[in-house]
């Protein structure tokens, strides 16, 4: 697999895409229609050393980001932090017909601002294996108006207030985006319940195939990787759908399997703990008592 192409600065991005030099070296809003596509770059992977937020429609291209593919028939927003890998594949021979915009923010622009410390707390930047944000028409108007405000601000004469005003617009953009992601958790129920079903299948297979004996207790990180989601995104989704975190779902499955073994086998508590991936039987007994109000032996005795 070819090594991803790294683009270090916003000026370098503009030059590579056949655009005029940016008006500001650390922040830029680009009209996708102005970006020149080269067939030689098809199937190439990219890494940017700056933040990228985009709203895009493309008639004949797919984007691969975090092991998932997306088309752009709807208005789709993507949030990428520095260092994340993505690629765009053009379908057929025709050049893609892009519409939308891309906002580029170099981390240096955020120095000495409120966003410098908190930008990474917005979970959508952590979607190393990404869930795109699908916007309604009304939501699209909202975010695009904020982008226009940013564009107008750095088009004007830069003064001592410019950075503060742009930072305020970025915070507004991120807050709206957080709201829209939360809405998406609720409204895209078919997709989300498929994830719930897959989570159940993954946990069942983990314990049924003795993976717990080989690898220990299943971790949130492991489950998220199998589902092609980030740990934060998965827990956020599950919290909205079920009120429980990923860790709580893992514990539920553990207790279910433990009850099954306690009620249908003669295995000792230590043997059951080992089969479920616990290093120490005491840890298993403590969790079981916390979740059921029974000790493992007390639960077994209730069946006799």
Foldseek 3Di string as FASTA:
>chain_A
DDDAAEDEWPQSVCVVQVHDGALDGFKHKFWPQSGDDDPVQAPHKYFYQWKKKWWKAKDFKWKAALNDIDHRPAGKIAIEGGPAMMHMHGHDDDDIRMGTMMMTGHLVLCPPHPCNPCVPVLCRNVWSLHDIQGDDPVLVVVLVVLVVVLVVLSVDDDDPCSSVVNVVSVVVNSVSSSVSVLVCLPPVVVVLVVLVVVLVVVLVCCLVVLVLLVPAQDDLCNSCVVSSGHQVVQQSSCCSVPVGGSVVVSLVSLLVVLLVCLQPHPDDLQVSCSSNRHPDSVVVQVSNCVVPVAGSVRSSVVND
